């Protein structure tokens, strides 16, 4: 498994983003241009460039990737079904993970918590964990990214209650690795089959 991450992406100005978008294949450039705000264009372009870099470095693949999209939106590489990847982005960073087996990744920035969101997404044990944490926003981001990474690994979308995704009986064959960066205000998680 190889992790590619770019953080401090907010430092890229409009000219930097324009150059990134210009280097994209036409279909991806059109997708990036549909974003109204600079942040969306930036993240769309950077994720694709990280994927291209990873495919080149790990597998020697230099042609632009073409995607097949699964029923719940999970992309796969049409010409290289044995190469797996997943990507995510937030205001602070973009991440792409490339692996030889299915993988899921999510990255989130820390932001002020809303009680209603915590109640909707977290079970009682997780809510207690957040409340008792020295950094509740970061703890929420850690838990949320773990849940999203599992959903993205399986490619099945949110089936059932989001609160129960991390219960032992639901992740018996899944390994979750979570990394947090309090100084940079984000966390990410990677989920893979054991």
N, C-alpha and C. Protein backbone atom coordinates (compact mmCIF):
# COMPACT_ATOMS: atom_id res chain seq x y z
N UNK A 1 0.85 -1.17 0.00
CA UNK A 1 0.00 0.00 0.00
C UNK A 1 0.89 1.23 0.00
N UNK A 2 0.47 2.23 -0.77
CA UNK A 2 1.21 3.49 -0.81
C UNK A 2 0.24 4.64 -0.62
N UNK A 3 0.60 5.56 0.26
CA UNK A 3 -0.24 6.70 0.59
C UNK A 3 0.38 7.96 -0.01
N UNK A 4 -0.43 8.70 -0.74
CA UNK A 4 -0.01 9.98 -1.30
C UNK A 4 -0.90 11.06 -0.67
N UNK A 5 -0.28 12.05 -0.10
CA UNK A 5 -1.05 13.08 0.57
C UNK A 5 -0.42 14.45 0.31
N UNK A 6 -1.26 15.42 0.11
CA UNK A 6 -0.84 16.82 -0.02
C UNK A 6 -1.65 17.61 0.98
N UNK A 7 -0.97 18.31 1.89
CA UNK A 7 -1.71 19.16 2.80
C UNK A 7 -1.22 20.60 2.66
N UNK A 8 -1.82 21.48 3.36
CA UNK A 8 -1.59 22.92 3.17
C UNK A 8 -2.00 23.37 1.77
N UNK A 9 -3.01 22.73 1.25
CA UNK A 9 -3.42 23.04 -0.12
C UNK A 9 -4.09 24.40 -0.23
N UNK A 10 -4.48 24.97 0.89
CA UNK A 10 -5.09 26.30 0.86
C UNK A 10 -4.12 27.37 0.36
N UNK A 11 -2.84 27.04 0.37
CA UNK A 11 -1.83 28.00 -0.07
C UNK A 11 -1.79 28.14 -1.59
N UNK A 12 -2.43 27.20 -2.30
CA UNK A 12 -2.45 27.31 -3.76
C UNK A 12 -3.40 28.42 -4.17
N UNK A 13 -2.90 29.35 -4.97
CA UNK A 13 -3.75 30.46 -5.41
C UNK A 13 -4.44 30.10 -6.72
N UNK A 14 -5.20 31.04 -7.23
CA UNK A 14 -5.99 30.80 -8.43
C UNK A 14 -5.12 30.43 -9.62
N UNK A 15 -3.97 31.06 -9.76
CA UNK A 15 -3.07 30.77 -10.87
C UNK A 15 -2.51 29.34 -10.75
N UNK A 16 -2.14 28.94 -9.54
CA UNK A 16 -1.64 27.57 -9.33
C UNK A 16 -2.70 26.54 -9.72
N UNK A 17 -3.93 26.80 -9.28
CA UNK A 17 -5.02 25.87 -9.57
C UNK A 17 -5.31 25.83 -11.06
N UNK A 18 -5.28 26.98 -11.71
CA UNK A 18 -5.50 27.02 -13.16
C UNK A 18 -4.48 26.14 -13.89
N UNK A 19 -3.21 26.20 -13.48
CA UNK A 19 -2.18 25.37 -14.10
C UNK A 19 -2.44 23.88 -13.88
N UNK A 20 -2.86 23.53 -12.66
CA UNK A 20 -3.20 22.13 -12.38
C UNK A 20 -4.35 21.65 -13.25
N UNK A 21 -5.38 22.46 -13.36
CA UNK A 21 -6.57 22.09 -14.13
C UNK A 21 -6.22 21.96 -15.61
N UNK A 22 -5.37 22.84 -16.12
CA UNK A 22 -4.98 22.78 -17.54
C UNK A 22 -4.27 21.48 -17.89
N UNK A 23 -3.60 20.88 -16.94
CA UNK A 23 -2.85 19.63 -17.18
C UNK A 23 -3.72 18.39 -17.09
N UNK A 24 -4.99 18.54 -16.76
CA UNK A 24 -5.89 17.40 -16.66
C UNK A 24 -6.37 16.94 -18.03
N UNK A 25 -6.72 15.65 -18.16
CA UNK A 25 -7.38 15.21 -19.40
C UNK A 25 -8.70 15.97 -19.54
N UNK A 26 -9.19 16.07 -20.75
CA UNK A 26 -10.36 16.91 -21.02
C UNK A 26 -11.56 16.58 -20.13
N UNK A 27 -11.90 15.31 -19.96
CA UNK A 27 -13.08 14.95 -19.17
C UNK A 27 -12.93 15.37 -17.71
N UNK A 28 -11.70 15.26 -17.17
CA UNK A 28 -11.48 15.64 -15.78
C UNK A 28 -11.42 17.17 -15.65
N UNK A 29 -10.86 17.81 -16.65
CA UNK A 29 -10.82 19.27 -16.66
C UNK A 29 -12.24 19.84 -16.66
N UNK A 30 -13.13 19.23 -17.46
CA UNK A 30 -14.53 19.67 -17.48
C UNK A 30 -15.17 19.48 -16.11
N UNK A 31 -14.86 18.36 -15.47
CA UNK A 31 -15.40 18.12 -14.12
C UNK A 31 -14.90 19.18 -13.14
N UNK A 32 -13.61 19.47 -13.19
CA UNK A 32 -13.03 20.47 -12.28
C UNK A 32 -13.64 21.84 -12.54
N UNK A 33 -13.86 22.17 -13.79
CA UNK A 33 -14.39 23.49 -14.14
C UNK A 33 -15.84 23.68 -13.69
N UNK A 34 -16.55 22.58 -13.47
CA UNK A 34 -17.95 22.69 -13.01
C UNK A 34 -18.05 23.20 -11.58
N UNK A 35 -16.97 23.10 -10.81
CA UNK A 35 -17.01 23.62 -9.44
C UNK A 35 -17.02 25.15 -9.49
N UNK A 36 -17.92 25.75 -8.73
CA UNK A 36 -18.02 27.21 -8.72
C UNK A 36 -16.88 27.85 -7.95
N UNK A 37 -16.41 27.18 -6.91
CA UNK A 37 -15.40 27.77 -6.03
C UNK A 37 -14.02 27.18 -6.30
N UNK A 38 -13.03 27.99 -6.03
CA UNK A 38 -11.64 27.59 -6.23
C UNK A 38 -11.30 26.31 -5.47
N UNK A 39 -11.80 26.17 -4.25
CA UNK A 39 -11.48 25.00 -3.42
C UNK A 39 -11.91 23.71 -4.12
N UNK A 40 -13.08 23.67 -4.71
CA UNK A 40 -13.55 22.47 -5.40
C UNK A 40 -12.68 22.13 -6.59
N UNK A 41 -12.32 23.13 -7.38
CA UNK A 41 -11.43 22.91 -8.53
C UNK A 41 -10.08 22.38 -8.07
N UNK A 42 -9.56 23.00 -7.03
CA UNK A 42 -8.25 22.62 -6.49
C UNK A 42 -8.25 21.17 -6.04
N UNK A 43 -9.24 20.78 -5.26
CA UNK A 43 -9.28 19.42 -4.72
C UNK A 43 -9.50 18.39 -5.82
N UNK A 44 -10.37 18.70 -6.77
CA UNK A 44 -10.63 17.79 -7.90
C UNK A 44 -9.36 17.55 -8.70
N UNK A 45 -8.61 18.61 -8.99
CA UNK A 45 -7.38 18.49 -9.77
C UNK A 45 -6.29 17.78 -8.98
N UNK A 46 -6.11 18.14 -7.72
CA UNK A 46 -5.03 17.55 -6.93
C UNK A 46 -5.22 16.05 -6.70
N UNK A 47 -6.44 15.62 -6.43
CA UNK A 47 -6.69 14.18 -6.23
C UNK A 47 -6.31 13.41 -7.48
N UNK A 48 -6.71 13.91 -8.64
CA UNK A 48 -6.39 13.22 -9.89
C UNK A 48 -4.89 13.18 -10.12
N UNK A 49 -4.21 14.30 -9.86
CA UNK A 49 -2.75 14.32 -10.05
C UNK A 49 -2.05 13.37 -9.08
N UNK A 50 -2.55 13.25 -7.85
CA UNK A 50 -1.97 12.29 -6.91
C UNK A 50 -2.15 10.86 -7.42
N UNK A 51 -3.33 10.56 -7.94
CA UNK A 51 -3.57 9.23 -8.49
C UNK A 51 -2.62 8.95 -9.66
N UNK A 52 -2.50 9.90 -10.57
CA UNK A 52 -1.58 9.71 -11.70
C UNK A 52 -0.15 9.48 -11.23
N UNK A 53 0.28 10.26 -10.25
CA UNK A 53 1.63 10.12 -9.71
C UNK A 53 1.81 8.73 -9.10
N UNK A 54 0.85 8.31 -8.32
CA UNK A 54 0.93 7.00 -7.68
C UNK A 54 0.95 5.87 -8.68
N UNK A 55 0.11 5.94 -9.70
CA UNK A 55 0.09 4.88 -10.72
C UNK A 55 1.42 4.82 -11.46
N UNK A 56 1.99 5.98 -11.73
CA UNK A 56 3.29 6.03 -12.42
C UNK A 56 4.39 5.45 -11.54
N UNK A 57 4.44 5.88 -10.28
CA UNK A 57 5.52 5.45 -9.38
C UNK A 57 5.38 3.99 -8.97
N UNK A 58 4.17 3.54 -8.73
CA UNK A 58 3.98 2.17 -8.21
C UNK A 58 3.88 1.12 -9.31
N UNK A 59 3.30 1.47 -10.46
CA UNK A 59 3.02 0.47 -11.49
C UNK A 59 3.55 0.83 -12.87
N UNK A 60 4.19 1.98 -12.99
CA UNK A 60 4.70 2.38 -14.30
C UNK A 60 3.61 2.76 -15.28
N UNK A 61 2.41 3.02 -14.81
CA UNK A 61 1.28 3.38 -15.67
C UNK A 61 1.36 4.88 -15.97
N UNK A 62 1.55 5.21 -17.24
CA UNK A 62 1.70 6.62 -17.60
C UNK A 62 0.52 7.17 -18.40
N UNK A 63 -0.37 6.29 -18.85
CA UNK A 63 -1.54 6.76 -19.59
C UNK A 63 -2.60 7.25 -18.61
N UNK A 64 -3.37 8.26 -19.00
CA UNK A 64 -4.42 8.75 -18.10
C UNK A 64 -5.40 7.63 -17.76
N UNK A 65 -5.74 7.49 -16.49
CA UNK A 65 -6.65 6.41 -16.11
C UNK A 65 -8.09 6.67 -16.57
N UNK A 66 -8.77 5.59 -16.91
CA UNK A 66 -10.20 5.63 -17.21
C UNK A 66 -10.90 4.84 -16.10
N UNK A 67 -12.03 5.36 -15.67
CA UNK A 67 -12.71 4.77 -14.52
C UNK A 67 -13.99 4.05 -14.92
N UNK A 68 -14.27 2.98 -14.20
CA UNK A 68 -15.59 2.39 -14.16
C UNK A 68 -16.12 2.78 -12.78
N UNK A 69 -17.40 3.08 -12.70
CA UNK A 69 -17.99 3.52 -11.45
C UNK A 69 -18.98 2.46 -10.98
N UNK A 70 -18.78 1.98 -9.73
CA UNK A 70 -19.66 0.97 -9.16
C UNK A 70 -21.04 1.53 -8.84
N UNK A 71 -21.92 0.64 -8.45
CA UNK A 71 -23.32 0.99 -8.17
C UNK A 71 -23.45 2.13 -7.16
N UNK A 72 -22.57 2.18 -6.16
CA UNK A 72 -22.65 3.21 -5.13
C UNK A 72 -21.57 4.27 -5.29
N UNK A 73 -21.00 4.36 -6.50
CA UNK A 73 -20.07 5.45 -6.80
C UNK A 73 -18.60 5.16 -6.62
N UNK A 74 -18.23 3.93 -6.25
CA UNK A 74 -16.81 3.62 -6.06
C UNK A 74 -16.14 3.44 -7.41
N UNK A 75 -15.08 4.22 -7.69
CA UNK A 75 -14.39 4.08 -8.97
C UNK A 75 -13.38 2.94 -8.96
N UNK A 76 -13.16 2.39 -10.14
CA UNK A 76 -12.09 1.40 -10.34
C UNK A 76 -11.43 1.71 -11.67
N UNK A 77 -10.25 1.16 -11.87
CA UNK A 77 -9.48 1.43 -13.09
C UNK A 77 -9.88 0.43 -14.17
N UNK A 78 -10.44 0.92 -15.24
CA UNK A 78 -10.95 0.05 -16.30
C UNK A 78 -9.85 -0.85 -16.88
N UNK A 79 -8.69 -0.28 -17.20
CA UNK A 79 -7.63 -1.05 -17.85
C UNK A 79 -6.76 -1.83 -16.87
N UNK A 80 -6.92 -1.60 -15.57
CA UNK A 80 -6.07 -2.24 -14.57
C UNK A 80 -6.91 -2.69 -13.37
N UNK A 81 -7.76 -3.70 -13.56
CA UNK A 81 -8.65 -4.11 -12.48
C UNK A 81 -7.93 -4.69 -11.25
N UNK A 82 -6.66 -5.04 -11.41
CA UNK A 82 -5.89 -5.58 -10.29
C UNK A 82 -5.25 -4.47 -9.44
N UNK A 83 -5.34 -3.23 -9.88
CA UNK A 83 -4.81 -2.09 -9.13
C UNK A 83 -6.00 -1.39 -8.46
N UNK A 84 -5.91 -1.21 -7.16
CA UNK A 84 -7.01 -0.60 -6.40
C UNK A 84 -6.55 0.75 -5.85
N UNK A 85 -7.49 1.67 -5.77
CA UNK A 85 -7.18 2.99 -5.22
C UNK A 85 -8.43 3.55 -4.57
N UNK A 86 -8.21 4.54 -3.75
CA UNK A 86 -9.31 5.31 -3.20
C UNK A 86 -8.74 6.67 -2.85
N UNK A 87 -9.58 7.68 -2.89
CA UNK A 87 -9.12 9.05 -2.66
C UNK A 87 -10.17 9.82 -1.87
N UNK A 88 -9.70 10.88 -1.24
CA UNK A 88 -10.59 11.74 -0.47
C UNK A 88 -9.95 13.12 -0.38
N UNK A 89 -10.76 14.10 -0.05
CA UNK A 89 -10.23 15.45 0.10
C UNK A 89 -11.06 16.23 1.11
N UNK A 90 -10.43 17.23 1.65
CA UNK A 90 -11.09 18.17 2.55
C UNK A 90 -10.44 19.52 2.31
N UNK A 91 -10.86 20.51 3.02
CA UNK A 91 -10.34 21.86 2.82
C UNK A 91 -8.83 21.94 3.08
N UNK A 92 -8.31 21.06 3.94
CA UNK A 92 -6.91 21.12 4.35
C UNK A 92 -5.98 20.26 3.49
N UNK A 93 -6.52 19.16 2.92
CA UNK A 93 -5.64 18.18 2.29
C UNK A 93 -6.38 17.29 1.31
N UNK A 94 -5.59 16.65 0.46
CA UNK A 94 -6.11 15.59 -0.42
C UNK A 94 -5.24 14.35 -0.19
N UNK A 95 -5.88 13.19 -0.33
CA UNK A 95 -5.17 11.93 -0.11
C UNK A 95 -5.60 10.91 -1.15
N UNK A 96 -4.66 10.09 -1.59
CA UNK A 96 -4.93 8.99 -2.50
C UNK A 96 -4.12 7.80 -2.01
N UNK A 97 -4.77 6.66 -1.92
CA UNK A 97 -4.10 5.43 -1.49
C UNK A 97 -4.20 4.43 -2.63
N UNK A 98 -3.07 3.81 -2.96
CA UNK A 98 -3.01 2.83 -4.03
C UNK A 98 -2.55 1.50 -3.42
N UNK A 99 -3.23 0.43 -3.83
CA UNK A 99 -2.98 -0.87 -3.20
C UNK A 99 -3.22 -1.98 -4.23
N UNK A 100 -2.77 -3.19 -3.90
CA UNK A 100 -3.01 -4.32 -4.78
C UNK A 100 -4.29 -5.08 -4.39
N UNK A 101 -5.04 -4.53 -3.44
CA UNK A 101 -6.34 -5.11 -3.07
C UNK A 101 -7.26 -3.97 -2.65
N UNK A 102 -8.56 -4.24 -2.53
CA UNK A 102 -9.52 -3.17 -2.22
C UNK A 102 -9.12 -2.35 -0.99
N UNK A 103 -9.40 -1.06 -1.07
CA UNK A 103 -8.98 -0.10 -0.05
C UNK A 103 -10.03 1.00 0.05
N UNK A 104 -10.13 1.60 1.22
CA UNK A 104 -11.00 2.75 1.42
C UNK A 104 -10.26 3.79 2.24
N UNK A 105 -10.44 5.07 1.92
CA UNK A 105 -9.78 6.14 2.66
C UNK A 105 -10.73 7.32 2.80
N UNK A 106 -10.61 8.02 3.91
CA UNK A 106 -11.35 9.26 4.09
C UNK A 106 -10.49 10.21 4.90
N UNK A 107 -10.60 11.48 4.55
CA UNK A 107 -9.88 12.54 5.26
C UNK A 107 -10.87 13.64 5.59
N UNK A 108 -10.78 14.19 6.79
CA UNK A 108 -11.69 15.26 7.22
C UNK A 108 -10.93 16.27 8.05
N UNK A 109 -11.31 17.51 7.90
CA UNK A 109 -10.74 18.55 8.74
C UNK A 109 -11.57 18.64 10.02
N UNK A 110 -10.96 19.13 11.06
CA UNK A 110 -11.67 19.33 12.32
C UNK A 110 -12.48 20.61 12.21
N UNK A 111 -13.68 20.55 12.71
CA UNK A 111 -14.54 21.73 12.71
C UNK A 111 -15.43 21.69 13.93
N UNK A 112 -16.01 22.82 14.30
CA UNK A 112 -16.86 22.84 15.49
C UNK A 112 -17.96 21.77 15.39
N UNK A 113 -18.20 21.12 16.50
CA UNK A 113 -19.18 20.03 16.52
C UNK A 113 -20.60 20.56 16.70
N UNK A 114 -21.51 19.90 16.04
CA UNK A 114 -22.93 20.16 16.23
C UNK A 114 -23.49 18.93 16.94
N UNK A 115 -24.17 19.17 18.05
CA UNK A 115 -24.73 18.06 18.82
C UNK A 115 -25.63 17.17 17.98
N UNK A 116 -26.40 17.75 17.09
CA UNK A 116 -27.31 16.96 16.27
C UNK A 116 -26.54 16.01 15.34
N UNK A 117 -25.42 16.47 14.79
CA UNK A 117 -24.62 15.61 13.92
C UNK A 117 -23.99 14.47 14.70
N UNK A 118 -23.46 14.78 15.87
CA UNK A 118 -22.87 13.74 16.71
C UNK A 118 -23.93 12.71 17.08
N UNK A 119 -25.10 13.15 17.48
CA UNK A 119 -26.18 12.23 17.87
C UNK A 119 -26.63 11.36 16.70
N UNK A 120 -26.64 11.91 15.50
CA UNK A 120 -27.09 11.17 14.33
C UNK A 120 -26.07 10.15 13.86
N UNK A 121 -24.78 10.46 13.99
CA UNK A 121 -23.73 9.63 13.38
C UNK A 121 -23.00 8.70 14.34
N UNK A 122 -23.08 8.97 15.64
CA UNK A 122 -22.28 8.21 16.60
C UNK A 122 -23.16 7.44 17.58
N UNK A 123 -22.69 6.23 17.93
CA UNK A 123 -23.42 5.46 18.94
C UNK A 123 -23.05 5.98 20.33
N UNK A 124 -23.68 5.44 21.34
CA UNK A 124 -23.49 5.94 22.70
C UNK A 124 -22.03 5.87 23.15
N UNK A 125 -21.37 4.78 22.86
CA UNK A 125 -19.96 4.62 23.24
C UNK A 125 -19.08 5.65 22.55
N UNK A 126 -19.32 5.89 21.26
CA UNK A 126 -18.54 6.87 20.51
C UNK A 126 -18.81 8.29 20.99
N UNK A 127 -20.06 8.58 21.33
CA UNK A 127 -20.37 9.91 21.86
C UNK A 127 -19.62 10.15 23.17
N UNK A 128 -19.56 9.13 24.00
CA UNK A 128 -18.83 9.24 25.27
C UNK A 128 -17.34 9.46 25.00
N UNK A 129 -16.82 8.74 24.04
CA UNK A 129 -15.41 8.88 23.65
C UNK A 129 -15.12 10.31 23.20
N UNK A 130 -16.01 10.90 22.43
CA UNK A 130 -15.84 12.27 21.96
C UNK A 130 -15.91 13.24 23.14
N UNK A 131 -16.91 13.07 23.99
CA UNK A 131 -17.10 13.96 25.14
C UNK A 131 -15.90 13.94 26.09
N UNK A 132 -15.29 12.78 26.27
CA UNK A 132 -14.18 12.64 27.21
C UNK A 132 -12.83 12.98 26.60
N UNK A 133 -12.80 13.23 25.32
CA UNK A 133 -11.55 13.52 24.63
C UNK A 133 -11.05 14.92 24.98
N UNK A 134 -9.73 15.08 24.98
CA UNK A 134 -9.13 16.41 25.16
C UNK A 134 -9.36 17.28 23.94
N UNK A 135 -9.62 16.65 22.79
CA UNK A 135 -9.87 17.37 21.55
C UNK A 135 -11.09 16.74 20.87
N UNK A 136 -12.30 17.11 21.30
CA UNK A 136 -13.52 16.48 20.77
C UNK A 136 -13.66 16.59 19.25
N UNK A 137 -13.28 17.72 18.67
CA UNK A 137 -13.40 17.88 17.22
C UNK A 137 -12.51 16.88 16.48
N UNK A 138 -11.30 16.70 16.99
CA UNK A 138 -10.39 15.75 16.36
C UNK A 138 -10.88 14.32 16.56
N UNK A 139 -11.40 14.01 17.73
CA UNK A 139 -11.92 12.66 17.98
C UNK A 139 -13.09 12.36 17.07
N UNK A 140 -13.97 13.34 16.88
CA UNK A 140 -15.08 13.15 15.94
C UNK A 140 -14.53 12.87 14.54
N UNK A 141 -13.55 13.66 14.10
CA UNK A 141 -12.97 13.45 12.76
C UNK A 141 -12.34 12.07 12.64
N UNK A 142 -11.70 11.61 13.68
CA UNK A 142 -11.09 10.27 13.67
C UNK A 142 -12.17 9.19 13.48
N UNK A 143 -13.22 9.29 14.27
CA UNK A 143 -14.30 8.30 14.18
C UNK A 143 -15.03 8.38 12.84
N UNK A 144 -15.31 9.61 12.42
CA UNK A 144 -16.03 9.78 11.16
C UNK A 144 -15.23 9.22 9.99
N UNK A 145 -13.91 9.51 9.94
CA UNK A 145 -13.11 9.01 8.82
C UNK A 145 -13.03 7.50 8.83
N UNK A 146 -13.00 6.90 10.01
CA UNK A 146 -12.99 5.43 10.09
C UNK A 146 -14.27 4.86 9.48
N UNK A 147 -15.40 5.46 9.82
CA UNK A 147 -16.68 5.00 9.26
C UNK A 147 -16.71 5.16 7.75
N UNK A 148 -16.32 6.33 7.27
CA UNK A 148 -16.32 6.58 5.83
C UNK A 148 -15.35 5.65 5.09
N UNK A 149 -14.18 5.40 5.67
CA UNK A 149 -13.21 4.51 5.02
C UNK A 149 -13.78 3.10 4.87
N UNK A 150 -14.50 2.62 5.88
CA UNK A 150 -15.13 1.30 5.81
C UNK A 150 -16.17 1.29 4.70
N UNK A 151 -17.01 2.31 4.64
CA UNK A 151 -18.04 2.40 3.60
C UNK A 151 -17.39 2.43 2.22
N UNK A 152 -16.31 3.18 2.07
CA UNK A 152 -15.64 3.28 0.78
C UNK A 152 -14.89 1.99 0.43
N UNK A 153 -14.40 1.27 1.42
CA UNK A 153 -13.76 -0.03 1.15
C UNK A 153 -14.77 -1.00 0.55
N UNK A 154 -15.92 -1.11 1.19
CA UNK A 154 -16.91 -2.09 0.75
C UNK A 154 -17.58 -1.67 -0.55
N UNK A 155 -17.64 -0.36 -0.82
CA UNK A 155 -18.27 0.11 -2.04
C UNK A 155 -19.77 -0.10 -2.05
N UNK A 156 -20.36 -0.35 -0.89
CA UNK A 156 -21.79 -0.66 -0.81
C UNK A 156 -22.64 0.53 -0.38
N UNK A 157 -22.02 1.65 -0.09
CA UNK A 157 -22.78 2.79 0.38
C UNK A 157 -23.20 2.59 1.83
N UNK A 158 -23.94 3.54 2.32
CA UNK A 158 -24.40 3.47 3.71
C UNK A 158 -25.63 2.58 3.80
N UNK A 159 -25.42 1.34 4.17
CA UNK A 159 -26.53 0.41 4.36
C UNK A 159 -26.71 0.23 5.86
N UNK A 160 -27.90 0.50 6.34
CA UNK A 160 -28.13 0.39 7.78
C UNK A 160 -27.75 1.68 8.47
N UNK A 161 -27.62 1.60 9.74
CA UNK A 161 -27.35 2.77 10.56
C UNK A 161 -25.87 3.15 10.54
N UNK A 162 -25.59 4.41 10.31
CA UNK A 162 -24.21 4.89 10.32
C UNK A 162 -23.59 4.75 11.70
N UNK A 163 -24.42 4.82 12.73
CA UNK A 163 -23.92 4.71 14.10
C UNK A 163 -23.27 3.36 14.38
N UNK A 164 -23.69 2.34 13.66
CA UNK A 164 -23.23 0.98 13.97
C UNK A 164 -22.10 0.47 13.08
N UNK A 165 -21.63 1.28 12.18
CA UNK A 165 -20.62 0.82 11.22
C UNK A 165 -19.38 0.26 11.91
N UNK A 166 -18.91 0.87 12.98
CA UNK A 166 -17.66 0.44 13.62
C UNK A 166 -17.86 -0.60 14.71
N UNK A 167 -19.07 -1.10 14.88
CA UNK A 167 -19.28 -2.16 15.87
C UNK A 167 -18.50 -3.40 15.43
N UNK A 168 -17.95 -4.10 16.40
CA UNK A 168 -17.07 -5.25 16.13
C UNK A 168 -17.68 -6.23 15.14
N UNK A 169 -18.95 -6.53 15.29
CA UNK A 169 -19.58 -7.53 14.40
C UNK A 169 -19.66 -7.05 12.95
N UNK A 170 -19.54 -5.75 12.72
CA UNK A 170 -19.60 -5.21 11.36
C UNK A 170 -18.24 -5.04 10.69
N UNK A 171 -17.17 -5.13 11.48
CA UNK A 171 -15.83 -4.92 10.90
C UNK A 171 -14.87 -6.07 11.24
N UNK A 172 -15.40 -7.26 11.43
CA UNK A 172 -14.57 -8.40 11.84
C UNK A 172 -13.42 -8.67 10.88
N UNK A 173 -13.62 -8.49 9.61
CA UNK A 173 -12.59 -8.80 8.62
C UNK A 173 -11.94 -7.56 8.03
N UNK A 174 -12.07 -6.44 8.74
CA UNK A 174 -11.54 -5.17 8.24
C UNK A 174 -10.53 -4.60 9.24
N UNK A 175 -9.41 -4.14 8.71
CA UNK A 175 -8.41 -3.46 9.53
C UNK A 175 -8.53 -1.96 9.23
N UNK A 176 -8.64 -1.17 10.30
CA UNK A 176 -8.76 0.28 10.15
C UNK A 176 -7.55 0.93 10.81
N UNK A 177 -6.90 1.80 10.07
CA UNK A 177 -5.78 2.59 10.59
C UNK A 177 -6.19 4.05 10.53
N UNK A 178 -6.08 4.74 11.67
CA UNK A 178 -6.48 6.14 11.72
C UNK A 178 -5.29 6.98 12.17
N UNK A 179 -5.11 8.11 11.50
CA UNK A 179 -4.00 9.01 11.76
C UNK A 179 -4.58 10.40 12.00
N UNK A 180 -4.07 11.07 13.03
CA UNK A 180 -4.57 12.41 13.29
C UNK A 180 -3.42 13.39 13.38
N UNK A 181 -3.71 14.61 12.97
CA UNK A 181 -2.73 15.68 12.92
C UNK A 181 -3.34 16.91 13.57
N UNK A 182 -3.30 16.98 14.90
CA UNK A 182 -3.95 18.10 15.60
C UNK A 182 -3.38 19.45 15.19
N UNK A 183 -2.08 19.50 14.91
CA UNK A 183 -1.46 20.77 14.54
C UNK A 183 -1.94 21.26 13.17
N UNK A 184 -2.40 20.32 12.33
CA UNK A 184 -2.89 20.69 11.01
C UNK A 184 -4.42 20.60 10.92
N UNK A 185 -5.04 20.16 12.00
CA UNK A 185 -6.51 20.13 12.12
C UNK A 185 -7.20 19.18 11.16
N UNK A 186 -6.62 17.99 10.98
CA UNK A 186 -7.33 16.98 10.20
C UNK A 186 -6.94 15.59 10.67
N UNK A 187 -7.74 14.62 10.21
CA UNK A 187 -7.48 13.21 10.48
C UNK A 187 -7.84 12.43 9.22
N UNK A 188 -7.21 11.27 9.06
CA UNK A 188 -7.63 10.38 7.99
C UNK A 188 -7.58 8.94 8.46
N UNK A 189 -8.38 8.11 7.80
CA UNK A 189 -8.44 6.68 8.11
C UNK A 189 -8.36 5.89 6.82
N UNK A 190 -7.75 4.71 6.93
CA UNK A 190 -7.64 3.77 5.82
C UNK A 190 -8.26 2.46 6.29
N UNK A 191 -9.10 1.87 5.46
CA UNK A 191 -9.71 0.57 5.77
C UNK A 191 -9.32 -0.41 4.69
N UNK A 192 -8.95 -1.60 5.12
CA UNK A 192 -8.60 -2.67 4.18
C UNK A 192 -9.04 -4.00 4.76
N UNK A 193 -9.21 -4.99 3.89
CA UNK A 193 -9.58 -6.32 4.36
C UNK A 193 -8.38 -6.96 5.03
N UNK A 194 -8.65 -7.72 6.12
CA UNK A 194 -7.56 -8.41 6.82
C UNK A 194 -7.05 -9.57 6.00
